[in-house]
Structures are given as structure tokens and as C-alpha cells.
Protein backbone atom coordinates (compact mmCIF):
# COMPACT_ATOMS: atom_id res chain seq x y z
CA UNK A 1 -0.73 -14.63 -28.10
CA UNK A 2 0.41 -14.67 -24.48
CA UNK A 3 3.30 -12.32 -25.33
CA UNK A 4 0.90 -9.95 -27.09
CA UNK A 5 -1.36 -9.80 -24.04
CA UNK A 6 1.58 -9.10 -21.75
CA UNK A 7 2.83 -6.30 -24.02
CA UNK A 8 -0.68 -4.83 -24.19
CA UNK A 9 -1.00 -4.82 -20.41
CA UNK A 10 2.43 -3.19 -20.10
CA UNK A 11 1.47 -0.50 -22.62
CA UNK A 12 -1.81 0.22 -20.86
CA UNK A 13 -0.03 0.42 -17.52
CA UNK A 14 2.51 2.86 -18.93
CA UNK A 15 -0.25 5.03 -20.38
CA UNK A 16 -2.13 5.00 -17.09
CA UNK A 17 1.02 6.10 -15.31
CA UNK A 18 1.25 9.16 -17.56
CA UNK A 19 -2.06 10.43 -16.25
CA UNK A 20 -1.50 11.84 -12.80
CA UNK A 21 -4.75 11.39 -10.95
CA UNK A 22 -5.06 11.76 -7.20
CA UNK A 23 -7.58 8.94 -7.08
CA UNK A 24 -8.04 6.13 -4.57
CA UNK A 25 -9.81 2.77 -4.54
CA UNK A 26 -10.96 0.86 -1.47
CA UNK A 27 -12.46 -2.61 -1.21
CA UNK A 28 -14.33 -4.13 1.73
CA UNK A 29 -15.02 -7.85 2.23
CA UNK A 30 -17.47 -8.91 4.94
CA UNK A 31 -16.57 -11.79 7.25
CA UNK A 32 -19.09 -14.17 5.64
CA UNK A 33 -17.80 -13.29 2.17
CA UNK A 34 -14.18 -14.21 2.92
CA UNK A 35 -12.79 -17.76 2.90
CA UNK A 36 -11.44 -17.61 6.46
CA UNK A 37 -14.13 -15.48 8.09
CA UNK A 38 -12.01 -12.34 8.25
CA UNK A 39 -13.20 -8.81 7.64
CA UNK A 40 -10.92 -7.36 4.96
CA UNK A 41 -10.32 -3.91 3.51
CA UNK A 42 -7.88 -2.37 1.06
CA UNK A 43 -6.61 1.16 0.40
CA UNK A 44 -4.93 1.96 -2.91
CA UNK A 45 -3.72 5.35 -4.13
CA UNK A 46 -4.17 5.18 -7.90
CA UNK A 47 -1.44 7.53 -9.05
CA UNK A 48 2.22 7.19 -9.89
CA UNK A 49 3.00 10.28 -7.80
CA UNK A 50 1.08 9.29 -4.68
CA UNK A 51 3.51 7.55 -2.36
CA UNK A 52 1.56 6.92 0.83
CA UNK A 53 3.42 7.37 4.10
CA UNK A 54 2.90 4.82 6.88
CA UNK A 55 2.54 7.08 9.89
CA UNK A 56 3.31 5.61 13.30
CA UNK A 57 1.87 6.73 16.62
CA UNK A 58 2.82 5.14 19.92
CA UNK A 59 0.16 4.45 22.52
CA UNK A 60 0.05 7.02 25.28
CA UNK A 61 -1.49 8.25 28.51
CA UNK A 62 -1.84 12.02 28.42
CA UNK A 63 -2.24 14.54 31.25
CA UNK A 64 -5.29 16.74 31.61
CA UNK A 65 -4.95 19.83 29.48
CA UNK A 66 -2.66 18.23 26.88
CA UNK A 67 -3.26 19.48 23.34
CA UNK A 68 -2.92 17.77 19.97
CA UNK A 69 -1.73 19.77 16.95
CA UNK A 70 -3.55 18.97 13.70
CA UNK A 71 -1.29 18.73 10.65
CA UNK A 72 -2.75 18.42 7.16
CA UNK A 73 -2.14 14.95 5.70
CA UNK A 74 -1.22 16.22 2.23
CA UNK A 75 0.46 19.57 2.90
CA UNK A 76 1.74 19.14 6.49
CA UNK A 77 0.55 22.61 7.45
CA UNK A 78 -0.82 23.06 10.97
CA UNK A 79 -4.55 23.83 11.04
CA UNK A 80 -4.71 24.33 14.80
CA UNK A 81 -4.99 22.15 17.88
CA UNK A 82 -7.58 20.23 19.86
CA UNK A 83 -7.57 18.67 23.34
CA UNK A 84 -5.73 15.34 23.43
CA UNK A 85 -7.57 12.22 24.59
CA UNK A 86 -6.55 10.88 27.99
CA UNK A 87 -5.61 7.53 26.38
CA UNK A 88 -4.49 6.91 22.80
CA UNK A 89 -3.73 3.60 21.06
CA UNK A 90 -0.78 2.49 18.97
CA UNK A 91 -1.19 3.04 15.22
CA UNK A 92 0.86 1.68 12.32
CA UNK A 93 -0.23 3.08 8.99
CA UNK A 94 -3.98 2.58 8.70
CA UNK A 95 -4.54 0.05 11.49
CA UNK A 96 -4.29 0.26 15.27
CA UNK A 97 -3.49 -2.19 18.03
CA UNK A 98 -7.17 -3.23 18.30
CA UNK A 99 -7.25 -4.07 14.57
CA UNK A 100 -9.43 -1.12 13.73
CA UNK A 101 -8.58 -0.10 10.15
CA UNK A 102 -9.57 3.08 8.31
CA UNK A 103 -9.18 3.89 4.59
CA UNK A 104 -10.76 6.46 2.27
CA UNK A 105 -11.56 7.66 -1.21
CA UNK A 106 -12.46 11.25 -2.08
CA UNK A 107 -15.73 11.84 -3.91
CA UNK A 108 -15.24 15.64 -3.83
CA UNK A 109 -18.93 16.52 -3.68
CA UNK A 110 -20.18 20.06 -4.17
CA UNK A 111 -17.49 22.74 -4.35
CA UNK A 112 -19.58 25.22 -2.38
CA UNK A 113 -19.65 22.91 0.64
CA UNK A 114 -15.91 22.86 1.34
CA UNK A 115 -15.27 24.55 4.69
CA UNK A 116 -11.80 26.09 4.79
CA UNK A 117 -12.36 27.24 8.38
CA UNK A 118 -12.47 23.66 9.65
CA UNK A 119 -9.50 22.40 11.66
CA UNK A 120 -9.56 18.71 10.78
CA UNK A 121 -8.70 17.33 7.33
CA UNK A 122 -9.48 13.81 6.11
CA UNK A 123 -6.06 12.35 7.01
CA UNK A 124 -6.03 13.79 10.52
CA UNK A 125 -9.57 12.50 11.04
CA UNK A 126 -8.41 8.99 10.12
CA UNK A 127 -5.44 9.20 12.50
CA UNK A 128 -7.61 10.48 15.33
CA UNK A 129 -10.17 7.74 14.76
CA UNK A 130 -7.45 5.08 14.94
CA UNK A 131 -5.77 6.57 18.00
CA UNK A 132 -8.97 6.88 20.00
CA UNK A 133 -11.04 3.79 19.10
CA UNK A 134 -11.22 0.09 19.91
CA UNK A 135 -14.04 -0.76 17.48
CA UNK A 136 -15.32 0.45 14.12
CA UNK A 137 -18.46 1.83 15.72
CA UNK A 138 -16.42 3.77 18.24
CA UNK A 139 -14.23 5.14 15.43
CA UNK A 140 -17.30 6.45 13.60
CA UNK A 141 -18.51 8.10 16.80
CA UNK A 142 -15.10 9.68 17.42
CA UNK A 143 -14.66 10.89 13.83
CA UNK A 144 -18.12 12.39 13.47
CA UNK A 145 -18.04 14.03 16.89
CA UNK A 146 -14.67 15.67 16.21
CA UNK A 147 -15.70 16.85 12.73
CA UNK A 148 -18.92 18.33 14.10
CA UNK A 149 -17.08 20.16 16.87
CA UNK A 150 -13.98 21.43 15.05
CA UNK A 151 -15.02 21.47 11.40
CA UNK A 152 -13.93 19.39 8.41
CA UNK A 153 -11.75 21.22 5.88
CA UNK A 154 -11.48 18.53 3.17
CA UNK A 155 -13.73 17.83 0.21
CA UNK A 156 -16.36 15.07 0.37
CA UNK A 157 -14.98 11.74 1.62
CA UNK A 158 -16.00 8.11 1.82
CA UNK A 159 -14.23 6.39 4.72
CA UNK A 160 -13.84 2.64 5.12
CA UNK A 161 -14.02 1.77 8.84
CA UNK A 162 -13.43 -1.86 9.86
CA UNK A 163 -12.64 -4.04 12.85
CA UNK A 164 -12.36 -7.85 13.17
CA UNK A 165 -16.15 -8.20 13.45
CA UNK A 166 -17.73 -5.67 11.08
CA UNK A 167 -17.20 -3.07 8.37
CA UNK A 168 -18.81 0.31 7.74
CA UNK A 169 -18.61 3.12 5.23
CA UNK A 170 -18.87 6.69 6.47
CA UNK A 171 -19.57 9.51 4.02
CA UNK A 172 -18.98 13.12 5.03
CA UNK A 173 -19.02 16.59 3.55
CA UNK A 174 -18.64 20.09 4.92
CA UNK A 175 -21.58 22.50 5.00
CA UNK A 176 -19.91 25.48 3.36
CA UNK A 177 -17.31 28.17 4.10
CA UNK A 178 -17.00 29.25 7.75
CA UNK A 179 -19.73 26.83 8.79
CA UNK A 180 -17.58 24.53 10.95
CA UNK A 181 -20.34 22.02 10.34
CA UNK A 182 -20.60 18.67 8.57
CA UNK A 183 -23.28 16.43 7.12
CA UNK A 184 -22.61 12.71 7.26
CA UNK A 185 -24.10 9.23 7.03
CA UNK A 186 -22.68 5.82 7.94
CA UNK A 187 -23.92 2.39 6.84
CA UNK A 188 -22.80 -1.05 8.00
CA UNK A 189 -21.63 -3.31 5.17
CA UNK A 190 -23.50 -6.67 5.30
CA UNK A 191 -21.33 -9.58 6.46
CA UNK A 192 -21.93 -11.48 3.21
CA UNK A 193 -21.15 -8.53 0.93
CA UNK A 194 -18.19 -7.14 -0.99
CA UNK A 195 -18.09 -3.38 -1.55
CA UNK A 196 -15.79 -1.28 -3.73
CA UNK A 197 -15.71 2.51 -3.67
CA UNK A 198 -13.49 4.61 -5.91
CA UNK A 199 -13.99 8.37 -5.67
CA UNK A 200 -17.76 8.25 -5.91
CA UNK A 201 -20.31 8.47 -3.13
CA UNK A 202 -21.89 5.07 -2.50
CA UNK A 203 -24.69 5.60 0.01
CA UNK A 204 -28.10 6.02 -1.62
CA UNK A 205 -31.51 5.21 -0.12
CA UNK A 206 -31.24 3.24 3.11
CA UNK A 207 -33.60 2.34 5.95
CA UNK A 208 -33.06 5.24 8.33
CA UNK A 209 -35.11 3.47 11.00
CA UNK A 210 -32.51 0.68 11.17
CA UNK A 211 -30.37 2.50 13.71
CA UNK A 212 -28.27 -0.60 14.41
CA UNK A 213 -26.90 -0.47 10.86
CA UNK A 214 -27.42 3.13 9.77
CA UNK A 215 -26.26 6.34 11.46
CA UNK A 216 -26.85 9.86 10.16
CA UNK A 217 -26.12 13.38 11.39
CA UNK A 218 -29.08 15.29 12.79
CA UNK A 219 -28.67 18.02 10.19
CA UNK A 220 -28.04 15.87 7.12
CA UNK A 221 -31.49 15.76 5.53
CA UNK A 222 -32.63 19.18 6.76
CA UNK A 223 -29.44 20.78 5.41
CA UNK A 224 -29.96 19.12 2.01
CA UNK A 225 -33.52 20.47 1.92
CA UNK A 226 -32.40 23.96 2.96
CA UNK A 227 -29.84 24.08 0.15
CA UNK A 228 -32.33 22.76 -2.40
CA UNK A 229 -30.40 19.53 -2.98
CA UNK A 230 -33.29 17.29 -1.89
CA UNK A 231 -37.06 17.33 -1.89
CA UNK A 232 -39.14 14.47 -0.61
CA UNK A 233 -39.78 12.29 2.40
CA UNK A 234 -36.95 11.29 4.71
CA UNK A 235 -37.32 7.69 3.53
CA UNK A 236 -36.46 8.80 -0.02
CA UNK A 237 -33.22 10.55 0.94
CA UNK A 238 -30.09 9.58 -0.99
CA UNK A 239 -26.82 11.05 0.30
CA UNK A 240 -25.14 10.26 -3.01
CA UNK A 241 -27.74 12.03 -5.15
CA UNK A 242 -27.99 15.05 -2.83
């Protein structure tokens, strides 16, 4: 019986490998849900063809006027450049020297909201967040500010953003071609919770008045109403459903 189970698992694995799917799965474990009190997160690319590169960036002090070229994570084409931060932190893969870690899964979202005029793609946004942040909250601020200013050219994304003390998920989508605008929402994962997201938006109705644990772009709900994606009171808003 044991041999049969092993062979079945091997067959299922082989069949799964035949289906090339650019899918990802991330898991978050709060510090009160882990045995040793650590915040944990994972980042798995669920495809036989998706070999993730572990990019390395040294810490640096940069002169005024220095510029940073933005290269697409998947295609390595240059989208443009933005001003470099005066100080950047060392990054190995998806974690920096302050133990800020960022992962993602793509939920795609609405096709009409992809903004091909944006400069920053999902991978560059992750790198910039890691290079410029010492906490998860700071990373969310950096990532959303840059996306709002320079535009986000990827499809809808759910980002895992963690540090040694807390974990967040940040969901973001563009606002359409040539808009150079984004709509986003971020929610803190409870310390005693475990969260898994795999290519589906996860943030539904939340308490928008709880600003210590929920952050949302100023245009998020009004944009959804304008496009006809949402009708109702602010308290009823669900990013996932919109």
C-alpha cells in the first residue's frame, strides 16, 4: 500500500509538471502562531519552468542626483529610471539586512486596468521596497508611494510584506492604460493567524477605521465606484470582489 501511494504521488507530480503555469503560492505565519515566536513567510513559484533568481544588491550611500534604472523582473527590459534613494540596504533574494522580507502572488485582476505606461513592475517594486526599508510598514509606504508616482505596469498583485515583528499583505492594481495610477489596500495579518494566498485576491471587507492595521489608497473606493465595480457604503467595500 505504501508503494502504491508513493507511485501515485510521483505520477501526480509528473502530471503537474506537464502543465506550465506561472503561478505562485505564499504562506504567512504570525509570531504567536509559530512555535518559536518568529514571523514566517514563504514564496514558491509553482511551475517547472520558473527558476527564481536570487538577486543581490549591496548596501550603498548614493550622491544627490543619482538615478536608478528599472529593469523588468521577467523580461529584463528597461522601463525607465527614477531617482535613487540616498541610502539603500543590502538585499539577498527576498530579504534585506533588517530582515524585511517581501514575496508575491499574481491575482491578475481586470485586464482593462493594466497600465503599460507605468515604469515599475512587480519585481522591481519588491526590490525597491527591500532596498529602502527597515520595517514592513516602511516597505508598504515605499512601495505604494513609488507606484503612485511612477505607475505600476504589472497585473494585479498580492504582496507578502514581513519583518521580525509583524506581517502584512498588500494588494495592488493599476487604474488603466496611460493612467500612471494605482489602487491598493494593505492589511496587517493577526499575530495568531496563518494566511495562504495563491493567485487570488484575499482582502475582502475590513474595518477601514482601524488605521493601525488597515491602509488604503485615497482613490481606491472612489475609483471602484467610478468604474462601476462597486456600489455601497465604504464599510461594505471588498477589494477582492471589486
